[in-house]
Amino acid sequence: MSTEVLAIIISAVGVVLTLGTSLFAAGAWLIRRFDDRIDAIAADVTDLKISVARLEGPPRHLITAGRG
């Protein structure tokens, strides 16, 4: 194997490793951002449910206990 072919093979392996590492890092970053947004939305939904429950008040009882 000549020196030129060896240099081409080594540089090709380096390019593949660099691209693979950068794609993995970008994917991990995207997943982390999506998880943060989902957690924020879940917290907002919980706050909204609590607010609606406070507006509606306690549940009304349709059957009342008779005195007698």
N, C-alpha and C. Protein backbone atom coordinates (compact mmCIF):
# COMPACT_ATOMS: atom_id res chain seq x y z
N MET A 1 0.85 -1.17 0.00
CA MET A 1 0.00 0.00 0.00
C MET A 1 0.89 1.23 0.00
N SER A 2 0.56 2.15 -0.89
CA SER A 2 1.38 3.35 -0.96
C SER A 2 0.97 4.34 0.12
N THR A 3 1.78 5.33 0.31
CA THR A 3 1.54 6.34 1.33
C THR A 3 0.29 7.14 1.02
N GLU A 4 0.04 7.43 -0.26
CA GLU A 4 -1.12 8.22 -0.64
C GLU A 4 -2.43 7.48 -0.32
N VAL A 5 -2.48 6.20 -0.62
CA VAL A 5 -3.68 5.40 -0.36
C VAL A 5 -3.92 5.32 1.14
N LEU A 6 -2.87 5.12 1.91
CA LEU A 6 -2.99 5.05 3.36
C LEU A 6 -3.50 6.38 3.93
N ALA A 7 -3.00 7.49 3.40
CA ALA A 7 -3.45 8.80 3.86
C ALA A 7 -4.93 9.02 3.52
N ILE A 8 -5.36 8.58 2.37
CA ILE A 8 -6.76 8.72 1.97
C ILE A 8 -7.66 7.88 2.88
N ILE A 9 -7.24 6.65 3.19
CA ILE A 9 -8.03 5.78 4.06
C ILE A 9 -8.13 6.37 5.46
N ILE A 10 -7.05 6.86 5.99
CA ILE A 10 -7.05 7.45 7.34
C ILE A 10 -7.92 8.69 7.38
N SER A 11 -7.83 9.53 6.36
CA SER A 11 -8.66 10.75 6.35
C SER A 11 -10.14 10.39 6.17
N ALA A 12 -10.45 9.35 5.40
CA ALA A 12 -11.84 8.93 5.23
C ALA A 12 -12.41 8.41 6.55
N VAL A 13 -11.63 7.65 7.29
CA VAL A 13 -12.07 7.16 8.60
C VAL A 13 -12.27 8.33 9.55
N GLY A 14 -11.40 9.31 9.50
CA GLY A 14 -11.55 10.50 10.34
C GLY A 14 -12.81 11.27 10.02
N VAL A 15 -13.13 11.41 8.75
CA VAL A 15 -14.36 12.11 8.34
C VAL A 15 -15.59 11.36 8.82
N VAL A 16 -15.57 10.05 8.66
CA VAL A 16 -16.72 9.24 9.10
C VAL A 16 -16.90 9.34 10.61
N LEU A 17 -15.82 9.27 11.37
CA LEU A 17 -15.92 9.39 12.82
C LEU A 17 -16.41 10.78 13.24
N THR A 18 -15.94 11.82 12.56
CA THR A 18 -16.36 13.18 12.89
C THR A 18 -17.84 13.37 12.60
N LEU A 19 -18.29 12.91 11.45
CA LEU A 19 -19.71 13.05 11.11
C LEU A 19 -20.59 12.22 12.04
N GLY A 20 -20.17 11.01 12.35
CA GLY A 20 -20.95 10.17 13.25
C GLY A 20 -21.06 10.77 14.64
N THR A 21 -19.96 11.30 15.14
CA THR A 21 -19.98 11.91 16.47
C THR A 21 -20.85 13.15 16.49
N SER A 22 -20.76 13.97 15.46
CA SER A 22 -21.57 15.19 15.43
C SER A 22 -23.06 14.87 15.29
N LEU A 23 -23.40 13.87 14.51
CA LEU A 23 -24.81 13.48 14.39
C LEU A 23 -25.34 12.91 15.70
N PHE A 24 -24.53 12.14 16.41
CA PHE A 24 -24.94 11.61 17.70
C PHE A 24 -25.15 12.74 18.71
N ALA A 25 -24.25 13.70 18.73
CA ALA A 25 -24.37 14.83 19.66
C ALA A 25 -25.60 15.68 19.33
N ALA A 26 -25.85 15.89 18.05
CA ALA A 26 -27.03 16.67 17.66
C ALA A 26 -28.31 15.94 18.03
N GLY A 27 -28.36 14.64 17.86
CA GLY A 27 -29.53 13.86 18.24
C GLY A 27 -29.78 13.90 19.74
N ALA A 28 -28.71 13.78 20.52
CA ALA A 28 -28.85 13.85 21.97
C ALA A 28 -29.35 15.22 22.41
N TRP A 29 -28.86 16.27 21.77
CA TRP A 29 -29.30 17.64 22.09
C TRP A 29 -30.78 17.82 21.77
N LEU A 30 -31.22 17.31 20.62
CA LEU A 30 -32.63 17.42 20.25
C LEU A 30 -33.53 16.66 21.21
N ILE A 31 -33.13 15.48 21.59
CA ILE A 31 -33.93 14.68 22.52
C ILE A 31 -34.05 15.39 23.87
N ARG A 32 -32.95 15.99 24.33
CA ARG A 32 -32.99 16.71 25.60
C ARG A 32 -33.91 17.91 25.53
N ARG A 33 -33.89 18.64 24.40
CA ARG A 33 -34.77 19.80 24.24
C ARG A 33 -36.23 19.37 24.18
N PHE A 34 -36.52 18.29 23.47
CA PHE A 34 -37.90 17.80 23.40
C PHE A 34 -38.39 17.38 24.78
N ASP A 35 -37.53 16.71 25.55
CA ASP A 35 -37.92 16.30 26.90
C ASP A 35 -38.22 17.52 27.77
N ASP A 36 -37.40 18.57 27.66
CA ASP A 36 -37.65 19.78 28.44
C ASP A 36 -38.97 20.43 28.06
N ARG A 37 -39.27 20.45 26.77
CA ARG A 37 -40.53 21.06 26.33
C ARG A 37 -41.73 20.23 26.77
N ILE A 38 -41.61 18.92 26.72
CA ILE A 38 -42.72 18.06 27.14
C ILE A 38 -42.96 18.25 28.64
N ASP A 39 -41.88 18.35 29.43
CA ASP A 39 -42.04 18.58 30.87
C ASP A 39 -42.70 19.93 31.14
N ALA A 40 -42.34 20.95 30.36
CA ALA A 40 -42.93 22.27 30.54
C ALA A 40 -44.42 22.24 30.19
N ILE A 41 -44.75 21.53 29.13
CA ILE A 41 -46.16 21.43 28.72
C ILE A 41 -46.95 20.66 29.78
N ALA A 42 -46.37 19.60 30.31
CA ALA A 42 -47.06 18.82 31.35
C ALA A 42 -47.30 19.67 32.60
N ALA A 43 -46.34 20.51 32.95
CA ALA A 43 -46.52 21.39 34.10
C ALA A 43 -47.62 22.42 33.82
N ASP A 44 -47.66 22.94 32.59
CA ASP A 44 -48.70 23.90 32.24
C ASP A 44 -50.08 23.27 32.27
N VAL A 45 -50.18 22.04 31.80
CA VAL A 45 -51.47 21.34 31.81
C VAL A 45 -51.92 21.09 33.25
N THR A 46 -50.99 20.72 34.11
CA THR A 46 -51.33 20.51 35.52
C THR A 46 -51.83 21.80 36.16
N ASP A 47 -51.13 22.92 35.89
CA ASP A 47 -51.57 24.21 36.41
C ASP A 47 -52.95 24.58 35.89
N LEU A 48 -53.19 24.28 34.62
CA LEU A 48 -54.49 24.59 34.02
C LEU A 48 -55.60 23.76 34.67
N LYS A 49 -55.34 22.48 34.93
CA LYS A 49 -56.33 21.63 35.58
C LYS A 49 -56.65 22.14 36.99
N ILE A 50 -55.64 22.57 37.70
CA ILE A 50 -55.85 23.09 39.05
C ILE A 50 -56.67 24.37 39.00
N SER A 51 -56.37 25.23 38.04
CA SER A 51 -57.11 26.49 37.91
C SER A 51 -58.58 26.24 37.57
N VAL A 52 -58.84 25.32 36.68
CA VAL A 52 -60.22 25.01 36.30
C VAL A 52 -60.96 24.40 37.49
N ALA A 53 -60.29 23.54 38.23
CA ALA A 53 -60.92 22.93 39.40
C ALA A 53 -61.27 23.99 40.44
N ARG A 54 -60.43 25.00 40.60
CA ARG A 54 -60.73 26.06 41.55
C ARG A 54 -61.90 26.91 41.08
N LEU A 55 -61.99 27.13 39.77
CA LEU A 55 -63.11 27.91 39.24
C LEU A 55 -64.43 27.16 39.40
N GLU A 56 -64.40 25.86 39.18
CA GLU A 56 -65.62 25.07 39.25
C GLU A 56 -66.07 24.87 40.69
N GLY A 57 -65.18 24.91 41.63
CA GLY A 57 -65.54 24.72 43.02
C GLY A 57 -65.68 23.24 43.35
N PRO A 58 -66.14 22.96 44.57
CA PRO A 58 -66.27 21.55 44.97
C PRO A 58 -67.40 20.90 44.19
N PRO A 59 -67.35 19.58 44.04
CA PRO A 59 -68.43 18.90 43.30
C PRO A 59 -69.75 19.00 44.06
N ARG A 60 -70.80 19.19 43.32
CA ARG A 60 -72.13 19.30 43.93
C ARG A 60 -72.69 17.91 44.16
N HIS A 61 -73.36 17.75 45.27
CA HIS A 61 -73.96 16.46 45.60
C HIS A 61 -75.43 16.51 45.16
N LEU A 62 -75.80 15.60 44.28
CA LEU A 62 -77.15 15.58 43.77
C LEU A 62 -78.12 14.92 44.72
N ILE A 63 -77.62 14.00 45.51
CA ILE A 63 -78.48 13.31 46.47
C ILE A 63 -78.19 13.91 47.84
N THR A 64 -79.21 14.47 48.45
CA THR A 64 -79.02 15.05 49.78
C THR A 64 -79.60 14.12 50.84
N ALA A 65 -79.01 14.14 51.98
CA ALA A 65 -79.49 13.31 53.08
C ALA A 65 -80.76 13.95 53.65
N GLY A 66 -81.78 13.18 53.73
CA GLY A 66 -83.04 13.71 54.27
C GLY A 66 -83.02 13.72 55.79
N ARG A 67 -83.61 14.74 56.34
CA ARG A 67 -83.72 14.81 57.80
C ARG A 67 -85.05 14.22 58.22
N GLY A 68 -85.01 13.34 59.04
CA GLY A 68 -86.32 12.85 59.42
C GLY A 68 -86.36 11.70 60.23
